[in-house]
C-alpha atoms as a PDB file:
ATOM      1  CA  MET A   1      22.922 -34.582 -62.033  1.00  0.00           C
ATOM      2  CA  ALA A   2      22.492 -33.307 -65.521  1.00  0.00           C
ATOM      3  CA  GLU A   3      21.057 -37.291 -66.181  1.00  0.00           C
ATOM      4  CA  LEU A   4      18.913 -37.052 -63.135  1.00  0.00           C
ATOM      5  CA  ALA A   5      17.369 -33.790 -64.632  1.00  0.00           C
ATOM      6  CA  LYS A   6      16.635 -35.692 -67.983  1.00  0.00           C
ATOM      7  CA  ILE A   7      14.745 -38.854 -66.313  1.00  0.00           C
ATOM      8  CA  ALA A   8      12.516 -36.057 -63.788  1.00  0.00           C
ATOM      9  CA  LYS A   9      12.113 -33.805 -67.121  1.00  0.00           C
ATOM     10  CA  CYS A  10      13.056 -31.036 -65.182  1.00  0.00           C
ATOM     11  CA  SER A  11      16.145 -28.480 -64.816  1.00  0.00           C
ATOM     12  CA  VAL A  12      19.182 -29.426 -63.591  1.00  0.00           C
ATOM     13  CA  MET A  13      18.767 -26.007 -60.963  1.00  0.00           C
ATOM     14  CA  ALA A  14      15.379 -27.930 -59.931  1.00  0.00           C
ATOM     15  CA  VAL A  15      17.547 -31.188 -59.188  1.00  0.00           C
ATOM     16  CA  SER A  16      19.922 -29.026 -57.269  1.00  0.00           C
ATOM     17  CA  TYR A  17      17.520 -27.559 -55.178  1.00  0.00           C
ATOM     18  CA  ALA A  18      15.581 -30.998 -54.619  1.00  0.00           C
ATOM     19  CA  LEU A  19      18.393 -33.054 -53.438  1.00  0.00           C
ATOM     20  CA  ARG A  20      19.162 -30.144 -51.275  1.00  0.00           C
ATOM     21  CA  ASN A  21      15.765 -30.288 -50.062  1.00  0.00           C
ATOM     22  CA  SER A  22      15.493 -26.321 -50.629  1.00  0.00           C
ATOM     23  CA  PRO A  23      12.009 -24.684 -50.480  1.00  0.00           C
ATOM     24  CA  GLU A  24      12.917 -23.054 -53.860  1.00  0.00           C
ATOM     25  CA  VAL A  25      11.063 -26.248 -55.774  1.00  0.00           C
ATOM     26  CA  SER A  26       7.646 -27.357 -54.410  1.00  0.00           C
ATOM     27  CA  GLU A  27       7.311 -30.281 -51.731  1.00  0.00           C
ATOM     28  CA  SER A  28       5.684 -32.493 -54.423  1.00  0.00           C
ATOM     29  CA  THR A  29       9.149 -31.660 -56.831  1.00  0.00           C
ATOM     30  CA  ARG A  30      11.152 -32.524 -53.862  1.00  0.00           C
ATOM     31  CA  THR A  31       9.973 -35.708 -53.299  1.00  0.00           C
ATOM     32  CA  ARG A  32       9.237 -37.002 -56.845  1.00  0.00           C
ATOM     33  CA  ILE A  33      13.231 -36.073 -57.676  1.00  0.00           C
ATOM     34  CA  GLN A  34      14.265 -37.827 -54.265  1.00  0.00           C
ATOM     35  CA  ALA A  35      12.395 -40.749 -55.151  1.00  0.00           C
ATOM     36  CA  LEU A  36      13.793 -41.030 -58.323  1.00  0.00           C
ATOM     37  CA  ALA A  37      17.011 -40.377 -57.265  1.00  0.00           C
ATOM     38  CA  ILE A  38      16.742 -43.506 -54.896  1.00  0.00           C
ATOM     39  CA  LYS A  39      15.419 -45.614 -57.837  1.00  0.00           C
ATOM     40  CA  HIS A  40      18.379 -44.535 -60.119  1.00  0.00           C
ATOM     41  CA  GLY A  41      21.079 -45.214 -57.503  1.00  0.00           C
ATOM     42  CA  TYR A  42      22.059 -41.534 -57.413  1.00  0.00           C
ATOM     43  CA  ARG A  43      24.076 -40.457 -54.449  1.00  0.00           C
ATOM     44  CA  LYS A  44      25.709 -36.784 -54.202  1.00  0.00           C
ATOM     45  CA  ASN A  45      29.193 -36.282 -53.098  1.00  0.00           C
ATOM     46  CA  PRO A  46      28.825 -34.500 -49.637  1.00  0.00           C
ATOM     47  CA  PHE A  47      32.656 -33.197 -50.419  1.00  0.00           C
ATOM     48  CA  ILE A  48      31.343 -31.788 -53.671  1.00  0.00           C
ATOM     49  CA  SER A  49      27.907 -30.491 -52.181  1.00  0.00           C
ATOM     50  CA  ALA A  50      29.772 -28.738 -49.088  1.00  0.00           C
ATOM     51  CA  LEU A  51      32.125 -26.970 -51.689  1.00  0.00           C
ATOM     52  CA  ILE A  52      29.356 -25.824 -53.957  1.00  0.00           C
ATOM     53  CA  THR A  53      27.235 -24.590 -51.318  1.00  0.00           C
ATOM     54  CA  ASN A  54      30.245 -22.695 -49.831  1.00  0.00           C
ATOM     55  CA  ARG A  55      31.086 -20.766 -53.017  1.00  0.00           C
ATOM     56  CA  ARG A  56      27.375 -19.549 -53.232  1.00  0.00           C
ATOM     57  CA  SER A  57      27.638 -18.470 -49.890  1.00  0.00           C
ATOM     58  CA  LYS A  58      30.908 -17.048 -50.219  1.00  0.00           C
ATOM     59  CA  ARG A  59      29.514 -14.746 -53.071  1.00  0.00           C
ATOM     60  CA  SER A  60      26.995 -13.396 -50.298  1.00  0.00           C
ATOM     61  CA  GLY A  61      29.392 -13.122 -47.740  1.00  0.00           C
ATOM     62  CA  GLY A  62      27.727 -15.516 -45.152  1.00  0.00           C
ATOM     63  CA  LEU A  63      28.797 -19.236 -44.754  1.00  0.00           C
ATOM     64  CA  ASP A  64      31.733 -17.801 -42.663  1.00  0.00           C
ATOM     65  CA  VAL A  65      28.937 -16.227 -40.096  1.00  0.00           C
ATOM     66  CA  ILE A  66      27.070 -18.194 -37.534  1.00  0.00           C
ATOM     67  CA  GLY A  67      23.919 -16.473 -36.432  1.00  0.00           C
ATOM     68  CA  LEU A  68      23.784 -16.790 -32.533  1.00  0.00           C
ATOM     69  CA  LEU A  69      19.640 -16.180 -31.824  1.00  0.00           C
ATOM     70  CA  THR A  70      19.654 -14.817 -27.994  1.00  0.00           C
ATOM     71  CA  LYS A  71      16.702 -14.355 -25.551  1.00  0.00           C
ATOM     72  CA  SER A  72      18.340 -12.832 -22.115  1.00  0.00           C
ATOM     73  CA  ASN A  73      16.947  -9.797 -20.894  1.00  0.00           C
ATOM     74  CA  GLU A  74      19.944  -8.006 -22.593  1.00  0.00           C
ATOM     75  CA  PRO A  75      22.202  -8.649 -25.623  1.00  0.00           C
ATOM     76  CA  LEU A  76      25.618 -10.483 -24.650  1.00  0.00           C
ATOM     77  CA  SER A  77      27.275  -7.544 -25.940  1.00  0.00           C
ATOM     78  CA  GLN A  78      25.892  -5.483 -23.225  1.00  0.00           C
ATOM     79  CA  TRP A  79      27.153  -7.874 -20.671  1.00  0.00           C
ATOM     80  CA  LYS A  80      29.499  -5.932 -17.710  1.00  0.00           C
ATOM     81  CA  GLU A  81      30.743  -9.348 -16.417  1.00  0.00           C
ATOM     82  CA  ARG A  82      30.906 -12.426 -16.900  1.00  0.00           C
ATOM     83  CA  GLN A  83      28.069 -15.140 -16.299  1.00  0.00           C
ATOM     84  CA  PRO A  84      27.868 -18.353 -14.353  1.00  0.00           C
ATOM     85  CA  PHE A  85      27.456 -21.112 -17.593  1.00  0.00           C
ATOM     86  CA  TYR A  86      26.607 -18.819 -20.142  1.00  0.00           C
ATOM     87  CA  SER A  87      29.975 -17.275 -20.565  1.00  0.00           C
ATOM     88  CA  ASP A  88      31.823 -20.473 -20.562  1.00  0.00           C
ATOM     89  CA  LEU A  89      29.055 -21.605 -23.013  1.00  0.00           C
ATOM     90  CA  TYR A  90      29.637 -18.605 -25.217  1.00  0.00           C
ATOM     91  CA  GLU A  91      33.463 -18.610 -25.378  1.00  0.00           C
ATOM     92  CA  GLY A  92      33.623 -22.334 -25.851  1.00  0.00           C
ATOM     93  CA  MET A  93      31.519 -21.742 -29.224  1.00  0.00           C
ATOM     94  CA  VAL A  94      33.523 -18.691 -30.312  1.00  0.00           C
ATOM     95  CA  GLU A  95      37.206 -20.402 -29.692  1.00  0.00           C
ATOM     96  CA  ARG A  96      35.534 -23.663 -32.129  1.00  0.00           C
ATOM     97  CA  ALA A  97      34.167 -21.147 -34.360  1.00  0.00           C
ATOM     98  CA  GLU A  98      37.360 -19.237 -34.920  1.00  0.00           C
ATOM     99  CA  GLU A  99      39.342 -22.216 -35.378  1.00  0.00           C
ATOM    100  CA  LEU A 100      36.861 -23.487 -37.871  1.00  0.00           C
ATOM    101  CA  GLY A 101      36.825 -20.633 -39.889  1.00  0.00           C
ATOM    102  CA  PHE A 102      33.537 -18.887 -38.633  1.00  0.00           C
ATOM    103  CA  ARG A 103      32.340 -16.097 -36.602  1.00  0.00           C
ATOM    104  CA  LEU A 104      29.380 -15.850 -34.234  1.00  0.00           C
ATOM    105  CA  ASP A 105      27.121 -12.685 -35.083  1.00  0.00           C
ATOM    106  CA  GLU A 106      24.409 -12.114 -32.454  1.00  0.00           C
ATOM    107  CA  PHE A 107      20.934 -11.827 -33.039  1.00  0.00           C
ATOM    108  CA  PRO A 108      18.709 -10.996 -29.999  1.00  0.00           C
ATOM    109  CA  THR A 109      15.053 -12.402 -30.296  1.00  0.00           C
ATOM    110  CA  PHE A 110      13.719 -11.000 -26.804  1.00  0.00           C
ATOM    111  CA  GLY A 111      13.404  -7.199 -25.442  1.00  0.00           C
ATOM    112  CA  GLY A 112      14.641  -3.883 -26.641  1.00  0.00           C
ATOM    113  CA  ASP A 113      14.748  -2.301 -30.009  1.00  0.00           C
ATOM    114  CA  GLU A 114      17.388  -4.770 -31.281  1.00  0.00           C
ATOM    115  CA  ALA A 115      15.135  -7.852 -30.865  1.00  0.00           C
ATOM    116  CA  LEU A 116      13.609  -9.607 -34.070  1.00  0.00           C
ATOM    117  CA  ASN A 117      10.743 -11.611 -34.608  1.00  0.00           C
ATOM    118  CA  GLY A 118      10.527 -14.942 -36.891  1.00  0.00           C
ATOM    119  CA  ARG A 119       9.747 -13.217 -40.082  1.00  0.00           C
ATOM    120  CA  GLN A 120      12.364 -10.454 -39.482  1.00  0.00           C
ATOM    121  CA  LEU A 121      15.019 -13.141 -38.894  1.00  0.00           C
ATOM    122  CA  THR A 122      14.259 -15.122 -41.909  1.00  0.00           C
ATOM    123  CA  ARG A 123      15.046 -12.048 -43.775  1.00  0.00           C
ATOM    124  CA  VAL A 124      17.894 -11.017 -42.219  1.00  0.00           C
ATOM    125  CA  LEU A 125      19.820 -13.988 -42.198  1.00  0.00           C
ATOM    126  CA  ASP A 126      18.829 -14.822 -45.881  1.00  0.00           C
ATOM    127  CA  ALA A 127      19.558 -11.598 -46.965  1.00  0.00           C
ATOM    128  CA  ARG A 128      23.433 -12.098 -45.369  1.00  0.00           C
ATOM    129  CA  GLY A 129      23.606 -15.588 -46.851  1.00  0.00           C
ATOM    130  CA  ILE A 130      23.758 -17.084 -42.989  1.00  0.00           C
ATOM    131  CA  ARG A 131      22.885 -20.614 -43.338  1.00  0.00           C
ATOM    132  CA  GLY A 132      23.854 -22.085 -39.476  1.00  0.00           C
ATOM    133  CA  VAL A 133      22.001 -21.109 -36.765  1.00  0.00           C
ATOM    134  CA  VAL A 134      22.830 -21.496 -33.200  1.00  0.00           C
ATOM    135  CA  LEU A 135      19.840 -21.096 -30.167  1.00  0.00           C
ATOM    136  CA  MET A 136      21.676 -19.493 -27.081  1.00  0.00           C
ATOM    137  CA  PRO A 137      20.030 -20.146 -23.725  1.00  0.00           C
ATOM    138  CA  GLY A 138      19.105 -17.318 -21.375  1.00  0.00           C
ATOM    139  CA  GLY A 139      16.768 -15.306 -19.470  1.00  0.00           C
ATOM    140  CA  ASP A 140      13.835 -17.059 -17.662  1.00  0.00           C
ATOM    141  CA  LEU A 141      14.158 -21.046 -17.604  1.00  0.00           C
ATOM    142  CA  ASN A 142      10.874 -21.404 -19.404  1.00  0.00           C
ATOM    143  CA  ARG A 143      10.924 -18.833 -21.945  1.00  0.00           C
ATOM    144  CA  GLY A 144      11.161 -19.881 -25.498  1.00  0.00           C
ATOM    145  CA  PHE A 145      12.045 -18.155 -28.602  1.00  0.00           C
ATOM    146  CA  ALA A 146       9.342 -16.157 -30.517  1.00  0.00           C
ATOM    147  CA  LEU A 147      10.037 -17.567 -33.803  1.00  0.00           C
ATOM    148  CA  GLU A 148       6.540 -18.524 -34.869  1.00  0.00           C
ATOM    149  CA  GLU A 149       7.200 -17.142 -38.692  1.00  0.00           C
ATOM    150  CA  PHE A 150      10.602 -18.426 -38.748  1.00  0.00           C
ATOM    151  CA  ASP A 151      11.322 -20.558 -41.776  1.00  0.00           C
ATOM    152  CA  TYR A 152      13.212 -23.614 -40.371  1.00  0.00           C
ATOM    153  CA  SER A 153      13.644 -25.440 -44.083  1.00  0.00           C
ATOM    154  CA  ARG A 154      16.104 -22.404 -45.230  1.00  0.00           C
ATOM    155  CA  PHE A 155      18.705 -22.904 -42.000  1.00  0.00           C
ATOM    156  CA  THR A 156      20.786 -25.552 -40.077  1.00  0.00           C
ATOM    157  CA  VAL A 157      19.522 -25.306 -36.399  1.00  0.00           C
ATOM    158  CA  ILE A 158      21.197 -26.205 -33.307  1.00  0.00           C
ATOM    159  CA  ALA A 159      20.664 -25.466 -29.475  1.00  0.00           C
ATOM    160  CA  ALA A 160      23.062 -25.415 -26.867  1.00  0.00           C
ATOM    161  CA  ALA A 161      21.951 -26.859 -23.759  1.00  0.00           C
ATOM    162  CA  PHE A 162      18.557 -28.067 -22.691  1.00  0.00           C
ATOM    163  CA  HIS A 163      16.208 -25.163 -23.478  1.00  0.00           C
ATOM    164  CA  ALA A 164      13.625 -24.431 -26.353  1.00  0.00           C
ATOM    165  CA  ARG A 165      12.430 -27.864 -25.139  1.00  0.00           C
ATOM    166  CA  GLN A 166       9.113 -27.005 -27.753  1.00  0.00           C
ATOM    167  CA  MET A 167      11.626 -27.226 -30.735  1.00  0.00           C
ATOM    168  CA  HIS A 168      12.635 -30.593 -32.119  1.00  0.00           C
ATOM    169  CA  ILE A 169      16.283 -29.931 -33.100  1.00  0.00           C
ATOM    170  CA  HIS A 170      19.648 -31.142 -32.790  1.00  0.00           C
ATOM    171  CA  ARG A 171      21.086 -29.787 -29.402  1.00  0.00           C
ATOM    172  CA  THR A 172      24.229 -30.501 -27.467  1.00  0.00           C
ATOM    173  CA  ALA A 173      24.488 -30.624 -23.327  1.00  0.00           C
ATOM    174  CA  THR A 174      26.493 -31.694 -20.350  1.00  0.00           C
ATOM    175  CA  ASP A 175      25.754 -35.590 -19.050  1.00  0.00           C
ATOM    176  CA  TYR A 176      24.197 -34.214 -15.577  1.00  0.00           C
ATOM    177  CA  SER A 177      22.822 -37.636 -15.098  1.00  0.00           C
ATOM    178  CA  ARG A 178      25.936 -38.944 -15.050  1.00  0.00           C
ATOM    179  CA  GLY A 179      27.314 -36.114 -13.144  1.00  0.00           C
ATOM    180  CA  ILE A 180      24.965 -37.045 -10.288  1.00  0.00           C
ATOM    181  CA  GLU A 181      26.015 -40.483 -10.622  1.00  0.00           C
ATOM    182  CA  LEU A 182      29.565 -39.652 -10.168  1.00  0.00           C
ATOM    183  CA  CYS A 183      28.602 -37.178  -7.256  1.00  0.00           C
ATOM    184  CA  ILE A 184      26.847 -39.811  -5.495  1.00  0.00           C
ATOM    185  CA  GLU A 185      29.883 -42.327  -5.838  1.00  0.00           C
ATOM    186  CA  GLU A 186      32.315 -39.765  -4.556  1.00  0.00           C
ATOM    187  CA  ALA A 187      30.087 -38.887  -1.434  1.00  0.00           C
ATOM    188  CA  LEU A 188      29.789 -42.949  -0.947  1.00  0.00           C
ATOM    189  CA  ARG A 189      33.550 -42.816  -0.909  1.00  0.00           C
ATOM    190  CA  ARG A 190      34.141 -40.935   1.570  1.00  0.00           C
ATOM    191  CA  GLY A 191      31.507 -42.486   4.053  1.00  0.00           C
ATOM    192  CA  TYR A 192      28.460 -40.643   3.336  1.00  0.00           C
ATOM    193  CA  LYS A 193      25.210 -42.590   3.913  1.00  0.00           C
ATOM    194  CA  ARG A 194      22.411 -40.019   4.213  1.00  0.00           C
ATOM    195  CA  ILE A 195      22.709 -38.185   1.307  1.00  0.00           C
ATOM    196  CA  GLY A 196      20.153 -35.419   0.210  1.00  0.00           C
ATOM    197  CA  LEU A 197      19.321 -33.555  -2.935  1.00  0.00           C
ATOM    198  CA  ALA A 198      18.620 -29.958  -2.648  1.00  0.00           C
ATOM    199  CA  LEU A 199      16.314 -29.469  -5.666  1.00  0.00           C
ATOM    200  CA  THR A 200      12.846 -28.689  -5.926  1.00  0.00           C
ATOM    201  CA  ARG A 201      10.287 -30.381  -8.654  1.00  0.00           C
ATOM    202  CA  LYS A 202       9.886 -27.038  -9.754  1.00  0.00           C
ATOM    203  CA  LEU A 203      13.674 -26.662 -11.538  1.00  0.00           C
ATOM    204  CA  ASP A 204      13.890 -30.726 -12.397  1.00  0.00           C
ATOM    205  CA  PRO A 205      11.580 -30.482 -15.450  1.00  0.00           C
ATOM    206  CA  SER A 206      13.999 -27.922 -17.414  1.00  0.00           C
ATOM    207  CA  LEU A 207      16.619 -30.239 -16.705  1.00  0.00           C
ATOM    208  CA  ARG A 208      15.136 -33.368 -18.369  1.00  0.00           C
ATOM    209  CA  TYR A 209      14.987 -34.719 -15.016  1.00  0.00           C
ATOM    210  CA  ALA A 210      18.464 -35.774 -14.764  1.00  0.00           C
ATOM    211  CA  PHE A 211      19.360 -34.440 -11.584  1.00  0.00           C
ATOM    212  CA  SER A 212      16.500 -36.380  -9.638  1.00  0.00           C
ATOM    213  CA  GLY A 213      16.089 -39.151 -12.231  1.00  0.00           C
ATOM    214  CA  ARG A 214      19.529 -40.453 -11.061  1.00  0.00           C
ATOM    215  CA  PHE A 215      19.051 -39.603  -7.826  1.00  0.00           C
ATOM    216  CA  LEU A 216      15.801 -40.948  -6.986  1.00  0.00           C
ATOM    217  CA  ALA A 217      17.044 -44.250  -8.583  1.00  0.00           C
ATOM    218  CA  TRP A 218      19.930 -44.603  -6.649  1.00  0.00           C
ATOM    219  CA  GLN A 219      18.158 -44.152  -3.743  1.00  0.00           C
ATOM    220  CA  THR A 220      15.330 -46.934  -4.065  1.00  0.00           C
ATOM    221  CA  GLY A 221      18.364 -49.394  -3.423  1.00  0.00           C
ATOM    222  CA  GLN A 222      19.044 -47.719   0.013  1.00  0.00           C
ATOM    223  CA  PRO A 223      17.625 -48.300   3.474  1.00  0.00           C
ATOM    224  CA  LYS A 224      14.720 -46.234   4.308  1.00  0.00           C
ATOM    225  CA  GLU A 225      16.158 -44.478   6.991  1.00  0.00           C
ATOM    226  CA  ASN A 226      18.868 -42.966   4.803  1.00  0.00           C
ATOM    227  CA  CYS A 227      16.295 -41.692   1.925  1.00  0.00           C
ATOM    228  CA  VAL A 228      15.785 -38.099   1.927  1.00  0.00           C
ATOM    229  CA  PRO A 229      13.363 -36.305   0.292  1.00  0.00           C
ATOM    230  CA  LEU A 230      13.825 -33.582  -2.103  1.00  0.00           C
ATOM    231  CA  VAL A 231      13.067 -30.217  -0.958  1.00  0.00           C
ATOM    232  CA  SER A 232       9.356 -29.313  -1.027  1.00  0.00           C
ATOM    233  CA  GLY A 233       8.074 -26.042  -2.730  1.00  0.00           C
ATOM    234  CA  GLU A 234       7.309 -24.407  -5.838  1.00  0.00           C
ATOM    235  CA  GLU A 235      10.231 -22.231  -6.499  1.00  0.00           C
ATOM    236  CA  GLU A 236      12.653 -22.986  -9.605  1.00  0.00           C
ATOM    237  CA  LEU A 237      15.782 -22.357  -7.269  1.00  0.00           C
ATOM    238  CA  VAL A 238      15.546 -23.471  -3.901  1.00  0.00           C
ATOM    239  CA  SER A 239      15.055 -20.490  -1.141  1.00  0.00           C
ATOM    240  CA  LYS A 240      17.068 -19.863   1.681  1.00  0.00           C
ATOM    241  CA  SER A 241      14.078 -20.737   4.101  1.00  0.00           C
ATOM    242  CA  SER A 242      12.997 -23.806   2.071  1.00  0.00           C
ATOM    243  CA  PHE A 243      16.461 -25.007   2.087  1.00  0.00           C
ATOM    244  CA  LEU A 244      17.259 -24.547   6.045  1.00  0.00           C
ATOM    245  CA  SER A 245      13.895 -25.921   6.678  1.00  0.00           C
ATOM    246  CA  TRP A 246      14.528 -29.078   4.697  1.00  0.00           C
ATOM    247  CA  TYR A 247      18.310 -29.159   6.323  1.00  0.00           C
ATOM    248  CA  GLU A 248      16.688 -28.947   9.761  1.00  0.00           C
ATOM    249  CA  ARG A 249      14.268 -31.398   9.414  1.00  0.00           C
ATOM    250  CA  TYR A 250      16.246 -34.146   7.530  1.00  0.00           C
ATOM    251  CA  ARG A 251      19.999 -33.346   8.688  1.00  0.00           C
ATOM    252  CA  PRO A 252      21.388 -35.051   5.687  1.00  0.00           C
ATOM    253  CA  ASP A 253      25.602 -35.916   6.381  1.00  0.00           C
ATOM    254  CA  CYS A 254      26.025 -35.042   2.925  1.00  0.00           C
ATOM    255  CA  ILE A 255      24.199 -32.452   0.386  1.00  0.00           C
ATOM    256  CA  LEU A 256      23.988 -32.290  -3.373  1.00  0.00           C
ATOM    257  CA  SER A 257      23.237 -28.896  -4.625  1.00  0.00           C
ATOM    258  CA  PRO A 258      22.927 -26.620  -7.538  1.00  0.00           C
ATOM    259  CA  ARG A 259      23.259 -23.264  -5.795  1.00  0.00           C
ATOM    260  CA  LEU A 260      26.587 -22.289  -4.262  1.00  0.00           C
ATOM    261  CA  VAL A 261      25.176 -19.935  -1.939  1.00  0.00           C
ATOM    262  CA  ALA A 262      23.615 -23.091   0.359  1.00  0.00           C
ATOM    263  CA  LEU A 263      27.277 -23.026   1.988  1.00  0.00           C
ATOM    264  CA  THR A 264      26.636 -19.259   3.023  1.00  0.00           C
ATOM    265  CA  TRP A 265      22.988 -20.252   4.164  1.00  0.00           C
ATOM    266  CA  LEU A 266      24.319 -23.136   6.476  1.00  0.00           C
ATOM    267  CA  LYS A 267      26.976 -20.759   7.839  1.00  0.00           C
ATOM    268  CA  GLU A 268      24.488 -18.505   9.081  1.00  0.00           C
ATOM    269  CA  ILE A 269      23.182 -21.352  11.429  1.00  0.00           C
ATOM    270  CA  GLY A 270      26.544 -22.314  12.526  1.00  0.00           C
ATOM    271  CA  VAL A 271      27.005 -25.316  10.194  1.00  0.00           C
ATOM    272  CA  HIS A 272      30.320 -25.637   8.461  1.00  0.00           C
ATOM    273  CA  ALA A 273      31.413 -27.730   5.427  1.00  0.00           C
ATOM    274  CA  PRO A 274      33.014 -30.083   5.699  1.00  0.00           C
ATOM    275  CA  ARG A 275      33.035 -30.294   9.276  1.00  0.00           C
ATOM    276  CA  ASP A 276      29.433 -30.662  10.138  1.00  0.00           C
ATOM    277  CA  VAL A 277      28.053 -31.694   6.848  1.00  0.00           C
ATOM    278  CA  GLY A 278      29.585 -32.617   3.236  1.00  0.00           C
ATOM    279  CA  CYS A 279      28.330 -30.190   0.610  1.00  0.00           C
ATOM    280  CA  ILE A 280      28.730 -31.279  -3.164  1.00  0.00           C
ATOM    281  CA  PHE A 281      27.792 -28.753  -5.890  1.00  0.00           C
ATOM    282  CA  VAL A 282      26.304 -29.376  -9.415  1.00  0.00           C
ATOM    283  CA  PRO A 283      27.697 -27.718 -10.944  1.00  0.00           C
ATOM    284  CA  VAL A 284      31.048 -26.190  -9.381  1.00  0.00           C
ATOM    285  CA  ARG A 285      30.833 -23.107 -11.589  1.00  0.00           C
ATOM    286  CA  ASP A 286      33.887 -21.310 -11.527  1.00  0.00           C
ATOM    287  CA  ASP A 287      35.039 -21.949  -7.823  1.00  0.00           C
ATOM    288  CA  PRO A 288      37.875 -23.881  -6.978  1.00  0.00           C
ATOM    289  CA  ASP A 289      37.366 -24.269  -3.686  1.00  0.00           C
ATOM    290  CA  VAL A 290      33.926 -26.124  -3.505  1.00  0.00           C
ATOM    291  CA  SER A 291      33.592 -30.124  -4.442  1.00  0.00           C
ATOM    292  CA  GLY A 292      31.225 -31.314  -6.954  1.00  0.00           C
ATOM    293  CA  PHE A 293      30.755 -32.011 -10.740  1.00  0.00           C
ATOM    294  CA  ASP A 294      32.401 -29.713 -13.170  1.00  0.00           C
ATOM    295  CA  ALA A 295      30.125 -29.642 -16.126  1.00  0.00           C
ATOM    296  CA  ARG A 296      32.850 -28.376 -18.708  1.00  0.00           C
ATOM    297  CA  THR A 297      30.379 -26.168 -20.105  1.00  0.00           C
ATOM    298  CA  HIS A 298      33.189 -24.514 -22.593  1.00  0.00           C
ATOM    299  CA  GLU A 299      33.281 -28.052 -23.978  1.00  0.00           C
ATOM    300  CA  VAL A 300      29.825 -27.883 -24.692  1.00  0.00           C
ATOM    301  CA  GLY A 301      30.304 -24.640 -26.517  1.00  0.00           C
ATOM    302  CA  ARG A 302      32.704 -26.422 -28.652  1.00  0.00           C
ATOM    303  CA  ALA A 303      30.619 -29.333 -29.087  1.00  0.00           C
ATOM    304  CA  THR A 304      27.855 -27.342 -30.414  1.00  0.00           C
ATOM    305  CA  ILE A 305      29.778 -25.614 -33.002  1.00  0.00           C
ATOM    306  CA  ASN A 306      31.021 -29.280 -33.966  1.00  0.00           C
ATOM    307  CA  LEU A 307      27.578 -30.329 -34.361  1.00  0.00           C
ATOM    308  CA  LEU A 308      26.438 -27.200 -36.237  1.00  0.00           C
ATOM    309  CA  SER A 309      29.464 -28.045 -38.738  1.00  0.00           C
ATOM    310  CA  ARG A 310      28.721 -31.561 -39.542  1.00  0.00           C
ATOM    311  CA  GLU A 311      25.052 -30.500 -40.261  1.00  0.00           C
ATOM    312  CA  LEU A 312      26.212 -27.739 -42.543  1.00  0.00           C
ATOM    313  CA  PHE A 313      28.716 -30.177 -44.641  1.00  0.00           C
ATOM    314  CA  LEU A 314      25.914 -32.568 -45.220  1.00  0.00           C
ATOM    315  CA  ASN A 315      23.712 -29.790 -46.454  1.00  0.00           C
ATOM    316  CA  GLN A 316      21.163 -30.545 -43.931  1.00  0.00           C
ATOM    317  CA  SER A 317      18.726 -27.901 -42.886  1.00  0.00           C
ATOM    318  CA  GLY A 318      14.967 -27.983 -41.564  1.00  0.00           C
ATOM    319  CA  LEU A 319      13.650 -29.866 -38.569  1.00  0.00           C
ATOM    320  CA  PRO A 320      15.317 -33.340 -38.279  1.00  0.00           C
ATOM    321  CA  ALA A 321      12.943 -36.410 -38.331  1.00  0.00           C
ATOM    322  CA  ALA A 322      15.153 -37.627 -35.461  1.00  0.00           C
ATOM    323  CA  PRO A 323      16.807 -34.945 -33.127  1.00  0.00           C
ATOM    324  CA  GLU A 324      20.033 -35.686 -31.877  1.00  0.00           C
ATOM    325  CA  ILE A 325      21.282 -34.979 -28.080  1.00  0.00           C
ATOM    326  CA  ILE A 326      25.002 -34.985 -27.856  1.00  0.00           C
ATOM    327  CA  LEU A 327      26.089 -34.882 -24.198  1.00  0.00           C
ATOM    328  CA  ILE A 328      29.451 -33.982 -23.105  1.00  0.00           C
ATOM    329  CA  SER A 329      30.981 -35.971 -19.880  1.00  0.00           C
ATOM    330  CA  GLY A 330      31.931 -33.556 -16.982  1.00  0.00           C
ATOM    331  CA  LYS A 331      34.818 -34.442 -14.418  1.00  0.00           C
ATOM    332  CA  TRP A 332      34.697 -34.741 -10.981  1.00  0.00           C
ATOM    333  CA  GLN A 333      36.405 -31.420  -8.865  1.00  0.00           C
ATOM    334  CA  GLU A 334      37.899 -32.599  -5.375  1.00  0.00           C
ATOM    335  CA  GLY A 335      37.556 -28.687  -3.774  1.00  0.00           C
ATOM    336  CA  LYS A 336      37.434 -28.626  -0.176  1.00  0.00           C
ATOM    337  CA  THR A 337      34.040 -28.974   0.956  1.00  0.00           C
ATOM    338  CA  VAL A 338      34.079 -32.876   1.497  1.00  0.00           C
ATOM    339  CA  VAL A 339      35.724 -34.899   3.771  1.00  0.00           C
ATOM    340  CA  LYS A 340      39.162 -36.886   2.181  1.00  0.00           C
ATOM    341  CA  PRO A 341      38.010 -40.607   0.739  1.00  0.00           C
ATOM    342  CA  LEU A 342      38.244 -43.078   3.538  1.00  0.00           C
ATOM    343  CA  VAL A 343      41.304 -45.344   3.282  1.00  0.00           C
ATOM    344  CA  LEU A 344      40.628 -49.075   3.292  1.00  0.00           C
ATOM    345  CA  LEU A 345      43.572 -51.236   4.993  1.00  0.00           C
ATOM    346  CA  CYS A 346      44.073 -54.498   3.464  1.00  0.00           C
END
């Protein structure tokens, strides 16, 4: 590094900042030094770089802490009971963080006196020497993080799940497209033919069209009489009236649904699963009795910390030029809301 500093005619510290893409030196200086490093074949050792960064942050007491930015209506610390999806995701992150020697500290960004704006967050995280940041989903599906003045260049930021869509950052999520495919396969194995997806077009964009995209692609190869349209309506989550109207009109023999309450709605009109209709849920949440796709949200939480750890190890900060999405495979849960698979006689 000292040799590169002589070539660049600047201090060793300036070279160090430039190679770490730190905003402590100007963008023009960073670009010039990085170009010289490439020209002269300089390669930094990631193990040594990570160790040096670790020592610096240890002095400020920060590397062991990961900042968890939340946007729920209330902070996680105020939750009185487990929340489907969110609790599994959080517990997976906490578990993996502890295994790797980290601790998660929450920083609310929405509602209440504790909420911080982008400028405040930058100042607080900097003061505590925190470099790793995870964006936690929660609240309204379309609610973003109010981080207009957040200085991304100083941090490594990862999103857990499909939210904060306006931010071009690395993220982890469940592979719901494969989940829909798996559920269709299981429905067909049981002899179901008129399979319906109880989903509105309003919710689908929030899931990156993973549900309808895979379902409608499969439907293009089916006989017209077996094709059941999506639920009409502008609700994000299918309402009772919309769901029952859809069911009564199209009478699918198997329903794929993201809402477990659909079982209750069907019972109210005398329809029972699996006697009268098969019901497959995506995801199954915490109910072992329903059939469907286990999204393995706990593993998504663990993968989030793995991804953040990788980026911290590589000393990456700021918004990535090519954001990555790490998809976690789910699995089938047999449950009791579909009939048994058909037995083929040879």
